[in-house]
N, C-alpha and C. Protein backbone atom coordinates (compact mmCIF):
# COMPACT_ATOMS: atom_id res chain seq x y z
N UNK A 1 -74.27 72.86 -10.20
CA UNK A 1 -74.60 72.47 -9.04
C UNK A 1 -73.82 71.95 -8.18
N UNK A 2 -73.30 72.11 -7.11
CA UNK A 2 -72.62 71.27 -6.41
C UNK A 2 -73.31 70.29 -5.26
N UNK A 3 -73.35 69.40 -4.60
CA UNK A 3 -73.49 68.72 -3.38
C UNK A 3 -72.71 68.78 -2.15
N UNK A 4 -73.01 68.75 -1.18
CA UNK A 4 -72.22 68.24 0.10
C UNK A 4 -71.87 67.16 -0.36
N UNK A 5 -70.95 66.28 0.25
CA UNK A 5 -70.83 64.97 0.54
C UNK A 5 -71.10 64.69 1.59
N UNK A 6 -71.61 63.84 2.07
CA UNK A 6 -72.51 63.17 3.10
C UNK A 6 -71.23 62.90 4.35
N UNK A 7 -70.23 61.83 3.52
CA UNK A 7 -69.60 61.15 4.30
C UNK A 7 -68.31 62.37 5.35
N UNK A 8 -68.07 63.73 4.44
CA UNK A 8 -67.32 64.99 5.38
C UNK A 8 -68.45 65.60 6.28
N UNK A 9 -69.61 65.21 6.43
CA UNK A 9 -70.46 65.68 7.43
C UNK A 9 -70.30 64.77 8.56
N UNK A 10 -70.34 63.60 8.09
CA UNK A 10 -70.45 62.46 9.41
C UNK A 10 -69.07 62.38 9.95
N UNK A 11 -68.16 62.53 8.99
CA UNK A 11 -67.05 62.66 10.10
C UNK A 11 -66.54 63.75 10.95
N UNK A 12 -67.11 64.80 10.10
CA UNK A 12 -67.10 65.75 11.41
C UNK A 12 -67.36 65.91 12.56
N UNK A 13 -68.26 65.26 13.15
CA UNK A 13 -69.18 65.04 14.45
C UNK A 13 -68.03 64.25 15.26
N UNK A 14 -67.66 63.27 14.50
CA UNK A 14 -66.67 61.91 15.52
C UNK A 14 -65.64 62.91 15.44
N UNK A 15 -64.99 63.24 14.63
CA UNK A 15 -63.60 64.47 14.71
C UNK A 15 -63.59 64.89 16.21
N UNK A 16 -64.55 65.87 16.36
CA UNK A 16 -64.93 66.89 17.25
C UNK A 16 -65.16 65.88 18.75
N UNK A 17 -65.92 64.64 18.67
CA UNK A 17 -65.99 64.04 19.76
C UNK A 17 -64.89 63.41 20.15
N UNK A 18 -63.82 63.05 19.16
CA UNK A 18 -62.61 62.29 19.77
C UNK A 18 -61.57 63.52 20.32
N UNK A 19 -61.57 64.56 19.73
CA UNK A 19 -60.48 65.71 19.92
C UNK A 19 -61.52 65.96 21.59
N UNK A 20 -62.74 65.91 21.95
CA UNK A 20 -63.36 66.30 23.04
C UNK A 20 -62.70 65.31 24.45
N UNK A 21 -62.88 64.10 23.86
CA UNK A 21 -62.71 63.34 24.62
C UNK A 21 -61.07 62.91 25.04
N UNK A 22 -60.22 63.31 23.96
CA UNK A 22 -58.50 63.25 24.47
C UNK A 22 -58.44 64.59 25.26
N UNK A 23 -59.13 65.46 25.42
CA UNK A 23 -59.08 66.69 26.33
C UNK A 23 -59.37 66.05 27.84
N UNK A 24 -60.32 65.60 27.60
CA UNK A 24 -60.76 65.40 28.80
C UNK A 24 -60.17 64.35 29.99
N UNK A 25 -59.60 63.47 29.08
CA UNK A 25 -59.01 62.11 29.53
C UNK A 25 -57.19 62.75 29.91
N UNK A 26 -56.60 62.40 31.24
CA UNK A 26 -55.70 62.93 31.61
C UNK A 26 -54.76 62.08 31.04
N UNK A 27 -53.43 62.60 30.86
CA UNK A 27 -52.29 61.69 30.08
C UNK A 27 -51.60 60.77 31.42
N UNK A 28 -50.81 59.87 30.86
CA UNK A 28 -50.29 58.48 31.77
C UNK A 28 -49.13 59.67 32.51
N UNK A 29 -48.73 60.51 31.61
CA UNK A 29 -47.56 61.13 32.62
C UNK A 29 -48.07 62.13 33.11
N UNK A 30 -48.94 62.79 33.17
CA UNK A 30 -49.60 63.61 34.55
C UNK A 30 -50.10 62.64 35.34
N UNK A 31 -50.50 61.17 35.15
CA UNK A 31 -51.13 60.20 36.32
C UNK A 31 -50.21 60.20 37.12
N UNK A 32 -49.20 60.41 36.24
CA UNK A 32 -47.19 59.32 37.40
C UNK A 32 -46.75 60.26 37.98
N UNK A 33 -46.96 61.49 37.50
CA UNK A 33 -46.62 63.07 37.96
C UNK A 33 -47.25 63.22 39.51
N UNK A 34 -48.28 62.89 39.32
CA UNK A 34 -49.23 63.51 40.90
C UNK A 34 -48.90 63.25 42.02
N UNK A 35 -48.61 61.48 42.03
CA UNK A 35 -47.69 61.74 44.04
C UNK A 35 -46.25 62.25 43.68
N UNK A 36 -45.48 62.48 42.71
CA UNK A 36 -44.32 63.58 42.22
C UNK A 36 -44.77 65.02 43.11
N UNK A 37 -45.75 65.35 42.34
CA UNK A 37 -46.41 67.06 42.75
C UNK A 37 -46.78 67.06 44.33
N UNK A 38 -47.51 65.65 44.76
CA UNK A 38 -47.83 66.04 46.24
C UNK A 38 -46.43 65.95 47.66
N UNK A 39 -45.76 64.65 47.32
CA UNK A 39 -44.29 64.99 47.72
C UNK A 39 -43.42 66.05 47.78
N UNK A 40 -44.11 67.12 46.70
CA UNK A 40 -42.96 68.30 46.01
C UNK A 40 -43.80 69.54 47.46
N UNK A 41 -45.27 69.62 47.36
CA UNK A 41 -46.08 70.16 48.64
C UNK A 41 -45.64 70.12 49.62
N UNK A 42 -45.31 68.47 50.12
CA UNK A 42 -45.49 68.11 51.56
C UNK A 42 -43.64 68.69 51.89
N UNK A 43 -42.48 68.95 51.01
CA UNK A 43 -41.52 69.14 50.99
C UNK A 43 -41.08 70.96 51.52
N UNK A 44 -42.13 71.47 50.91
CA UNK A 44 -42.10 72.99 51.21
C UNK A 44 -41.93 73.11 53.07
N UNK A 45 -41.35 74.05 53.64
CA UNK A 45 -41.14 73.82 55.47
C UNK A 45 -42.66 74.12 55.38
N UNK A 46 -43.32 75.44 55.17
CA UNK A 46 -44.76 75.78 55.51
C UNK A 46 -45.88 74.99 55.64
N UNK A 47 -45.45 74.06 54.68
CA UNK A 47 -46.84 73.13 54.71
C UNK A 47 -46.42 71.77 55.97
N UNK A 48 -44.81 71.45 56.34
CA UNK A 48 -44.35 70.48 56.78
C UNK A 48 -44.49 71.03 57.99
N UNK A 49 -43.77 71.91 58.40
CA UNK A 49 -44.15 72.46 59.73
C UNK A 49 -45.51 72.86 60.26
N UNK A 50 -46.07 73.26 59.64
CA UNK A 50 -47.13 74.17 60.08
C UNK A 50 -48.12 72.82 59.98
N UNK A 51 -48.12 71.94 59.75
CA UNK A 51 -49.02 70.62 59.76
C UNK A 51 -48.65 70.04 61.17
N UNK A 52 -47.55 69.93 61.40
CA UNK A 52 -46.70 69.67 63.02
C UNK A 52 -47.32 70.96 64.04
N UNK A 53 -47.27 71.97 63.94
CA UNK A 53 -47.68 72.94 64.89
C UNK A 53 -49.33 72.76 64.88
N UNK A 54 -50.32 72.97 64.21
CA UNK A 54 -51.35 73.11 63.95
C UNK A 54 -51.92 71.70 64.65
N UNK A 55 -51.91 70.13 64.64
CA UNK A 55 -51.86 69.08 65.08
C UNK A 55 -51.74 69.21 66.87
N UNK A 56 -50.17 69.66 66.58
CA UNK A 56 -49.69 69.67 68.04
C UNK A 56 -50.45 70.37 68.73
N UNK A 57 -50.32 71.81 68.53
CA UNK A 57 -51.49 72.46 69.06
C UNK A 57 -52.54 72.33 69.71
N UNK A 58 -53.53 71.69 68.58
CA UNK A 58 -54.92 71.18 69.14
C UNK A 58 -54.37 70.60 70.61
N UNK A 59 -53.81 69.52 70.01
CA UNK A 59 -53.30 68.48 71.34
C UNK A 59 -53.07 69.35 73.36
N UNK A 60 -52.00 70.40 72.56
CA UNK A 60 -51.83 70.93 74.36
C UNK A 60 -53.01 71.38 74.42
N UNK A 61 -53.83 72.49 73.58
CA UNK A 61 -54.78 73.40 73.94
C UNK A 61 -56.25 72.50 74.73
N UNK A 62 -56.43 71.49 74.10
CA UNK A 62 -57.50 70.66 74.24
C UNK A 62 -57.03 69.81 76.28
N UNK A 63 -55.62 69.45 75.86
CA UNK A 63 -54.94 69.00 77.01
C UNK A 63 -55.05 69.57 78.05
N UNK A 64 -54.64 71.33 78.33
CA UNK A 64 -54.75 72.28 78.92
C UNK A 64 -56.14 72.98 79.42
N UNK A 65 -56.85 72.87 78.36
CA UNK A 65 -58.23 73.41 79.22
C UNK A 65 -58.66 72.29 80.26
N UNK A 66 -58.82 71.12 79.73
CA UNK A 66 -59.48 69.99 80.26
C UNK A 66 -58.72 70.10 82.21
N UNK A 67 -57.25 70.14 81.83
CA UNK A 67 -56.60 69.96 83.19
C UNK A 67 -57.09 71.33 84.17
N UNK A 68 -57.28 72.42 83.06
CA UNK A 68 -57.79 73.80 83.95
C UNK A 68 -58.93 73.46 84.46
N UNK A 69 -59.85 73.26 83.78
CA UNK A 69 -61.17 73.12 84.42
C UNK A 69 -61.19 71.95 85.89
N UNK A 70 -60.13 71.21 85.94
CA UNK A 70 -59.98 70.08 86.90
C UNK A 70 -59.44 70.65 88.04
N UNK A 71 -58.39 71.31 87.97
CA UNK A 71 -57.79 71.87 89.18
C UNK A 71 -58.95 73.35 89.40
N UNK A 72 -59.59 73.88 88.81
CA UNK A 72 -60.32 75.33 89.24
C UNK A 72 -61.62 74.82 89.49
N UNK A 73 -62.26 73.41 89.37
CA UNK A 73 -63.26 72.94 90.09
C UNK A 73 -63.13 71.90 90.82
N UNK A 74 -61.96 71.48 91.31
CA UNK A 74 -61.73 70.37 92.10
C UNK A 74 -60.98 70.45 92.70
N UNK A 75 -61.06 69.78 94.41
CA UNK A 75 -59.66 69.80 95.04
C UNK A 75 -59.01 68.14 94.95
N UNK A 76 -57.60 68.50 94.83
CA UNK A 76 -56.78 66.88 95.00
C UNK A 76 -57.06 65.94 95.39
N UNK A 77 -57.76 65.03 94.51
CA UNK A 77 -58.11 64.09 95.40
C UNK A 77 -59.51 63.22 95.25
N UNK A 78 -60.17 64.72 94.63
CA UNK A 78 -61.35 64.84 94.54
C UNK A 78 -62.44 63.43 93.60
N UNK A 79 -63.17 62.93 93.76
CA UNK A 79 -63.54 62.04 92.60
C UNK A 79 -64.96 61.94 92.16
N UNK A 80 -65.18 62.55 90.98
CA UNK A 80 -66.55 62.98 90.53
C UNK A 80 -66.71 61.93 89.31
N UNK A 81 -67.95 61.08 89.50
CA UNK A 81 -68.36 59.61 88.60
C UNK A 81 -68.88 60.44 87.38
N UNK A 82 -68.74 59.47 86.75
CA UNK A 82 -69.32 60.28 85.11
C UNK A 82 -70.23 58.73 84.26
N UNK A 83 -69.39 57.67 84.55
CA UNK A 83 -70.39 56.63 83.93
C UNK A 83 -69.62 55.59 85.04
N UNK A 84 -70.72 54.66 84.67
CA UNK A 84 -69.93 52.70 86.15
C UNK A 84 -68.57 52.53 86.06
N UNK A 85 -68.28 52.98 84.92
CA UNK A 85 -66.50 52.21 84.51
C UNK A 85 -65.86 53.85 84.40
N UNK A 86 -66.23 55.10 84.48
CA UNK A 86 -65.54 56.09 84.68
C UNK A 86 -65.69 57.41 85.57
N UNK A 87 -64.68 57.88 85.76
CA UNK A 87 -64.28 58.82 86.80
C UNK A 87 -63.84 59.71 86.36
N UNK A 88 -63.79 61.16 87.39
CA UNK A 88 -63.04 61.84 87.04
C UNK A 88 -62.19 62.07 88.63
N UNK A 89 -60.98 61.92 88.61
CA UNK A 89 -60.46 61.60 89.87
C UNK A 89 -59.20 62.64 90.14
N UNK A 90 -59.23 63.52 90.62
CA UNK A 90 -57.67 64.62 90.73
C UNK A 90 -56.86 64.03 91.46
N UNK A 91 -55.40 63.74 90.42
CA UNK A 91 -54.01 63.59 91.15
C UNK A 91 -53.36 64.68 90.95
N UNK A 92 -52.41 64.65 90.91
CA UNK A 92 -50.57 64.70 90.27
C UNK A 92 -50.01 63.84 90.46
N UNK A 93 -49.02 63.81 89.24
CA UNK A 93 -48.29 62.51 89.14
C UNK A 93 -46.63 62.99 88.88
N UNK A 94 -45.70 62.50 89.68
CA UNK A 94 -44.40 63.26 89.38
C UNK A 94 -43.90 61.90 88.42
N UNK A 95 -44.51 61.52 87.83
CA UNK A 95 -43.65 59.79 86.90
C UNK A 95 -44.25 60.75 85.43
N UNK A 96 -43.78 59.09 84.62
CA UNK A 96 -44.44 59.38 83.25
C UNK A 96 -45.96 59.26 82.65
N UNK A 97 -46.32 59.01 81.87
CA UNK A 97 -47.44 58.36 81.79
C UNK A 97 -48.06 57.58 82.57
N UNK A 98 -49.13 57.42 82.78
CA UNK A 98 -49.74 56.84 84.10
C UNK A 98 -49.04 56.27 85.01
N UNK A 99 -48.51 57.52 85.58
CA UNK A 99 -47.51 56.98 86.82
C UNK A 99 -46.62 56.65 87.10
N UNK A 100 -45.67 55.91 85.72
CA UNK A 100 -44.69 55.04 86.01
C UNK A 100 -43.52 55.79 86.45
N UNK A 101 -42.47 55.56 86.83
CA UNK A 101 -41.01 55.93 87.10
C UNK A 101 -41.50 57.40 87.88
N UNK A 102 -42.09 57.29 89.07
CA UNK A 102 -42.30 58.52 90.00
C UNK A 102 -40.58 58.58 90.71
N UNK A 103 -40.30 57.98 90.73
CA UNK A 103 -39.03 57.99 91.35
C UNK A 103 -38.03 58.87 91.01
N UNK A 104 -38.27 58.50 89.48
CA UNK A 104 -37.13 59.72 88.56
C UNK A 104 -37.69 61.49 88.25
N UNK A 105 -38.84 61.56 89.42
CA UNK A 105 -39.26 62.76 88.94
C UNK A 105 -38.55 64.11 88.74
N UNK A 106 -37.39 64.50 89.59
CA UNK A 106 -36.26 65.61 88.85
C UNK A 106 -35.71 65.62 87.50
N UNK A 107 -35.85 64.01 87.49
CA UNK A 107 -34.92 63.82 86.18
C UNK A 107 -35.74 64.02 85.06
N UNK A 108 -37.06 63.94 84.87
CA UNK A 108 -38.38 63.98 83.90
C UNK A 108 -38.09 65.26 83.38
N UNK A 109 -38.23 66.74 83.53
CA UNK A 109 -38.63 67.38 82.92
C UNK A 109 -37.28 67.64 81.84
N UNK A 110 -36.02 67.44 82.02
CA UNK A 110 -35.24 67.62 80.96
C UNK A 110 -35.49 66.32 80.07
N UNK A 111 -35.58 65.31 80.40
CA UNK A 111 -35.93 64.42 79.93
C UNK A 111 -36.90 64.54 79.27
N UNK A 112 -38.24 65.06 79.14
CA UNK A 112 -39.26 65.30 78.36
C UNK A 112 -38.30 66.48 76.98
N UNK A 113 -37.94 66.98 77.84
CA UNK A 113 -37.70 68.16 76.92
C UNK A 113 -36.20 67.66 75.48
N UNK A 114 -35.46 66.63 75.58
CA UNK A 114 -34.98 66.09 74.89
C UNK A 114 -35.77 64.46 74.07
N UNK A 115 -36.71 63.96 74.45
CA UNK A 115 -37.72 63.83 73.84
C UNK A 115 -38.55 64.25 72.76
N UNK A 116 -38.63 65.48 73.12
CA UNK A 116 -38.97 66.56 71.98
C UNK A 116 -38.69 67.09 71.22
N UNK A 117 -37.20 67.44 71.64
CA UNK A 117 -36.08 67.60 70.40
C UNK A 117 -36.00 66.29 69.67
N UNK A 118 -35.76 64.75 69.88
CA UNK A 118 -35.58 64.08 69.26
C UNK A 118 -37.04 63.74 68.05
N UNK A 119 -38.15 64.15 68.70
CA UNK A 119 -39.51 63.52 67.92
C UNK A 119 -39.39 64.65 67.01
N UNK A 120 -39.07 65.86 66.96
CA UNK A 120 -39.05 67.34 66.26
C UNK A 120 -37.90 66.77 65.30
N UNK A 121 -36.76 66.02 65.55
CA UNK A 121 -35.31 66.12 64.77
C UNK A 121 -36.36 64.95 63.79
N UNK A 122 -37.13 63.89 64.12
CA UNK A 122 -37.20 62.62 63.68
C UNK A 122 -38.07 63.34 62.38
N UNK A 123 -39.21 64.00 62.96
CA UNK A 123 -40.46 64.86 61.73
C UNK A 123 -39.92 65.45 61.14
N UNK A 124 -38.32 66.09 61.21
CA UNK A 124 -37.93 66.84 60.42
C UNK A 124 -37.09 65.73 59.22
N UNK A 125 -37.33 64.47 59.20
CA UNK A 125 -36.33 64.13 58.51
C UNK A 125 -37.50 62.97 57.43
N UNK A 126 -38.85 63.44 57.61
CA UNK A 126 -39.93 62.46 57.14
C UNK A 126 -39.63 63.42 55.66
N UNK A 127 -39.31 62.76 54.42
CA UNK A 127 -39.44 63.37 53.54
C UNK A 127 -40.52 63.41 52.29
N UNK A 128 -41.50 62.49 52.64
CA UNK A 128 -42.76 62.35 51.26
C UNK A 128 -43.69 62.53 52.21
N UNK A 129 -44.82 62.78 52.13
CA UNK A 129 -46.21 63.33 52.75
C UNK A 129 -46.03 62.32 53.84
N UNK A 130 -46.32 60.72 54.04
CA UNK A 130 -46.19 59.69 55.03
C UNK A 130 -47.52 60.26 56.21
N UNK A 131 -49.27 60.74 55.61
CA UNK A 131 -49.19 61.82 56.62
C UNK A 131 -49.74 61.37 58.28
N UNK A 132 -50.28 59.77 57.71
CA UNK A 132 -50.21 58.81 59.06
C UNK A 132 -49.06 58.88 60.23
N UNK A 133 -47.72 58.93 59.74
CA UNK A 133 -46.54 59.04 60.26
C UNK A 133 -46.50 60.74 61.09
N UNK A 134 -46.73 61.48 60.07
CA UNK A 134 -46.63 63.11 60.93
C UNK A 134 -48.05 63.10 62.09
N UNK A 135 -48.90 62.50 61.43
CA UNK A 135 -50.11 62.87 62.83
C UNK A 135 -49.83 62.21 63.80
N UNK A 136 -49.12 60.53 63.96
CA UNK A 136 -48.36 60.10 64.48
C UNK A 136 -47.43 60.88 65.63
N UNK A 137 -46.48 61.42 65.01
CA UNK A 137 -45.38 62.08 65.64
C UNK A 137 -45.93 63.98 66.51
N UNK A 138 -46.98 64.12 65.24
CA UNK A 138 -47.40 65.35 65.79
C UNK A 138 -48.37 65.13 67.50
N UNK A 139 -49.11 64.10 67.45
CA UNK A 139 -49.53 63.68 68.54
C UNK A 139 -48.52 63.41 69.56
N UNK A 140 -47.70 62.89 69.43
CA UNK A 140 -46.41 62.85 70.55
C UNK A 140 -46.06 63.56 70.78
N UNK A 141 -45.91 64.93 69.78
CA UNK A 141 -45.14 65.77 70.18
C UNK A 141 -45.81 66.94 71.24
N UNK A 142 -47.48 66.50 70.83
CA UNK A 142 -48.38 67.49 71.39
C UNK A 142 -48.21 67.38 73.04
N UNK A 143 -48.82 65.69 73.42
CA UNK A 143 -49.20 65.43 74.40
C UNK A 143 -47.40 65.21 75.52
N UNK A 144 -46.33 65.27 74.87
CA UNK A 144 -45.56 65.55 75.80
C UNK A 144 -45.15 67.15 76.29
N UNK A 145 -45.53 68.17 75.11
CA UNK A 145 -45.76 69.53 75.39
C UNK A 145 -46.25 69.60 76.81
N UNK A 146 -47.57 68.91 76.32
CA UNK A 146 -48.64 69.33 77.51
C UNK A 146 -48.30 69.22 78.95
N UNK A 147 -47.70 67.66 79.36
CA UNK A 147 -47.17 67.40 80.24
C UNK A 147 -46.28 68.37 80.57
N UNK A 148 -44.89 68.78 79.50
CA UNK A 148 -44.12 69.29 80.42
C UNK A 148 -44.40 70.81 80.47
N UNK A 149 -45.30 71.39 80.11
CA UNK A 149 -46.54 72.53 80.52
C UNK A 149 -46.38 72.57 82.18
N UNK A 150 -46.70 71.28 82.16
CA UNK A 150 -47.63 70.91 83.94
C UNK A 150 -46.35 70.79 84.61
N UNK A 151 -45.16 70.48 84.30
CA UNK A 151 -44.05 70.25 85.20
C UNK A 151 -43.33 71.43 85.70
N UNK A 152 -43.35 72.67 84.65
CA UNK A 152 -43.17 73.75 84.73
C UNK A 152 -43.39 74.37 85.46
N UNK A 153 -45.05 74.17 85.80
CA UNK A 153 -46.10 75.22 86.32
C UNK A 153 -46.01 74.40 87.76
N UNK A 154 -46.41 72.95 87.84
CA UNK A 154 -46.50 72.88 89.45
C UNK A 154 -45.67 71.70 89.88
N UNK A 155 -44.71 71.54 89.12
CA UNK A 155 -43.60 70.43 89.47
C UNK A 155 -43.99 69.07 89.46
N UNK A 156 -45.14 68.70 88.86
CA UNK A 156 -46.00 67.52 88.66
C UNK A 156 -46.64 67.61 87.60
N UNK A 157 -47.32 66.19 86.87
CA UNK A 157 -48.25 66.25 86.15
C UNK A 157 -49.96 66.13 86.69
N UNK A 158 -50.82 66.88 86.16
CA UNK A 158 -52.14 67.03 86.51
C UNK A 158 -52.71 65.73 85.64
N UNK A 159 -53.44 64.54 86.30
CA UNK A 159 -54.16 63.57 85.84
C UNK A 159 -55.47 63.34 86.52
N UNK A 160 -56.23 63.31 85.57
CA UNK A 160 -58.11 63.04 86.20
C UNK A 160 -58.77 62.22 85.33
N UNK A 161 -58.65 61.30 84.45
CA UNK A 161 -59.45 60.43 83.59
C UNK A 161 -59.26 58.95 84.48
N UNK A 162 -59.95 58.53 85.57
CA UNK A 162 -59.93 57.39 86.01
C UNK A 162 -61.02 56.47 85.70
N UNK A 163 -60.40 55.08 84.95
CA UNK A 163 -61.10 53.89 84.15
C UNK A 163 -60.83 52.70 85.19
N UNK A 164 -62.02 52.26 85.30
CA UNK A 164 -62.32 50.87 86.31
C UNK A 164 -63.50 50.23 85.54
N UNK A 165 -63.30 49.15 86.15
CA UNK A 165 -64.28 48.13 86.06
C UNK A 165 -64.14 47.25 87.70
N UNK A 166 -64.89 47.68 88.67
CA UNK A 166 -64.80 47.34 89.90
C UNK A 166 -65.38 45.90 90.03
N UNK A 167 -66.51 45.73 88.96
CA UNK A 167 -67.15 44.12 89.35
C UNK A 167 -65.54 42.98 89.11
N UNK A 168 -64.95 43.52 88.37
CA UNK A 168 -63.68 42.59 88.34
C UNK A 168 -62.17 43.24 88.84
N UNK A 169 -62.85 44.24 89.68
CA UNK A 169 -61.66 45.02 90.62
C UNK A 169 -60.42 45.57 89.49
N UNK A 170 -61.00 45.76 88.64
CA UNK A 170 -59.86 46.35 87.82
C UNK A 170 -59.66 47.88 87.97
N UNK A 171 -58.38 48.96 88.36
CA UNK A 171 -58.27 50.07 88.06
C UNK A 171 -57.12 50.64 87.30
N UNK A 172 -57.43 51.02 86.18
CA UNK A 172 -56.21 51.55 84.99
C UNK A 172 -55.54 52.64 86.28
N UNK A 173 -54.68 52.70 85.74
CA UNK A 173 -53.67 54.36 85.90
C UNK A 173 -54.44 55.30 85.33
N UNK A 174 -54.61 56.25 86.60
CA UNK A 174 -55.19 57.38 86.07
C UNK A 174 -54.13 58.14 85.37
N UNK A 175 -54.85 58.90 84.41
CA UNK A 175 -54.30 59.79 82.92
C UNK A 175 -54.62 61.20 82.55
N UNK A 176 -54.47 61.19 81.85
CA UNK A 176 -54.69 62.54 81.00
C UNK A 176 -54.64 62.66 79.51
N UNK A 177 -55.57 63.65 78.82
CA UNK A 177 -55.38 63.80 77.70
C UNK A 177 -54.41 63.56 76.58
N UNK A 178 -52.98 64.56 77.53
CA UNK A 178 -51.61 63.95 76.63
C UNK A 178 -51.17 62.66 76.94
N UNK A 179 -51.73 61.83 78.05
CA UNK A 179 -50.96 60.39 77.80
C UNK A 179 -51.65 60.20 77.27
N UNK A 180 -52.79 60.13 76.54
CA UNK A 180 -53.95 59.59 75.76
C UNK A 180 -53.35 59.65 74.28
N UNK A 181 -52.87 61.20 73.74
CA UNK A 181 -52.21 61.46 72.86
C UNK A 181 -51.24 60.75 72.41
N UNK A 182 -49.94 60.53 73.32
CA UNK A 182 -48.83 60.06 73.12
C UNK A 182 -48.76 58.46 73.10
N UNK A 183 -49.88 57.92 73.88
CA UNK A 183 -49.98 56.52 73.59
C UNK A 183 -50.64 56.40 72.00
N UNK A 184 -51.67 57.02 71.48
CA UNK A 184 -52.15 56.75 70.41
C UNK A 184 -51.32 57.15 69.23
N UNK A 185 -50.67 58.39 69.14
CA UNK A 185 -49.49 58.35 68.72
C UNK A 185 -48.43 57.33 68.43
N UNK A 186 -47.70 56.60 69.12
CA UNK A 186 -47.17 55.77 69.10
C UNK A 186 -47.56 54.44 68.47
N UNK A 187 -49.13 54.23 68.42
CA UNK A 187 -49.22 52.92 68.10
C UNK A 187 -49.71 53.19 66.60
N UNK A 188 -50.27 54.70 66.19
CA UNK A 188 -50.14 54.71 64.94
C UNK A 188 -49.13 54.83 64.62
N UNK A 189 -47.95 54.72 65.07
CA UNK A 189 -46.33 55.44 64.46
C UNK A 189 -46.33 53.67 63.90
N UNK A 190 -46.08 52.92 64.55
CA UNK A 190 -45.82 51.61 64.42
C UNK A 190 -46.85 51.45 63.56
N UNK A 191 -47.96 51.27 63.63
CA UNK A 191 -48.75 50.88 62.33
C UNK A 191 -48.63 51.32 61.06
N UNK A 192 -48.02 52.28 61.03
CA UNK A 192 -47.70 53.37 60.03
C UNK A 192 -46.50 52.94 59.22
N UNK A 193 -45.40 52.31 60.48
CA UNK A 193 -43.93 51.91 59.69
C UNK A 193 -44.25 50.63 59.11
N UNK A 194 -45.31 49.50 59.95
CA UNK A 194 -45.13 48.51 59.25
C UNK A 194 -46.38 48.09 58.46
N UNK A 195 -46.95 48.90 57.92
CA UNK A 195 -47.83 48.75 56.57
C UNK A 195 -47.15 49.59 55.24
N UNK A 196 -46.73 50.40 55.55
CA UNK A 196 -45.45 51.34 54.56
C UNK A 196 -46.33 51.67 53.30
N UNK A 197 -47.43 52.18 53.00
CA UNK A 197 -48.34 51.97 52.27
C UNK A 197 -48.35 53.54 51.76
N UNK A 198 -47.22 54.08 52.63
CA UNK A 198 -47.60 55.93 51.84
C UNK A 198 -46.69 56.34 50.93
N UNK A 199 -47.07 57.31 49.73
CA UNK A 199 -45.87 57.52 49.41
C UNK A 199 -44.82 58.86 50.16
């Protein structure tokens, strides 16, 4: 009659545990290649350009809906107080963001279209995922398109956000959602390029 060795029985659970642990832990190679897989995903046109289209479309839709509500419910020059420091003030603007360069109104439509083309070209040169750079450029293109639509429809841009502090006699230039998207996009782009921490 033979007896089972206790050494063999003790070794089997330890061996099974080591095999299970090896299966659960990712290899060094898989960890190192993960960023490359992400960048390959962003290199596909449907992901890269689809991301731009979605973000820019959201900006355009929000911008145009808010402008429609203002134009349809207010007369030009009307002011509706919202908060002590914020009001809706319906004006039109032939200049660029925040009413600048109004004297060049006739040239701003082709210039805006050219700027849209440049932003799209720059977006296409972003090879890695650089999500914040992509969001920044998409905000800018969405804002630019929103104001271009106004120039085509009305010959001027619809502005209505009036920020002011009466106690300090401070009135910021009246602006709109598209202007806000452009400015936020510029700030984000500068910050992302300075930090340079995205793959």
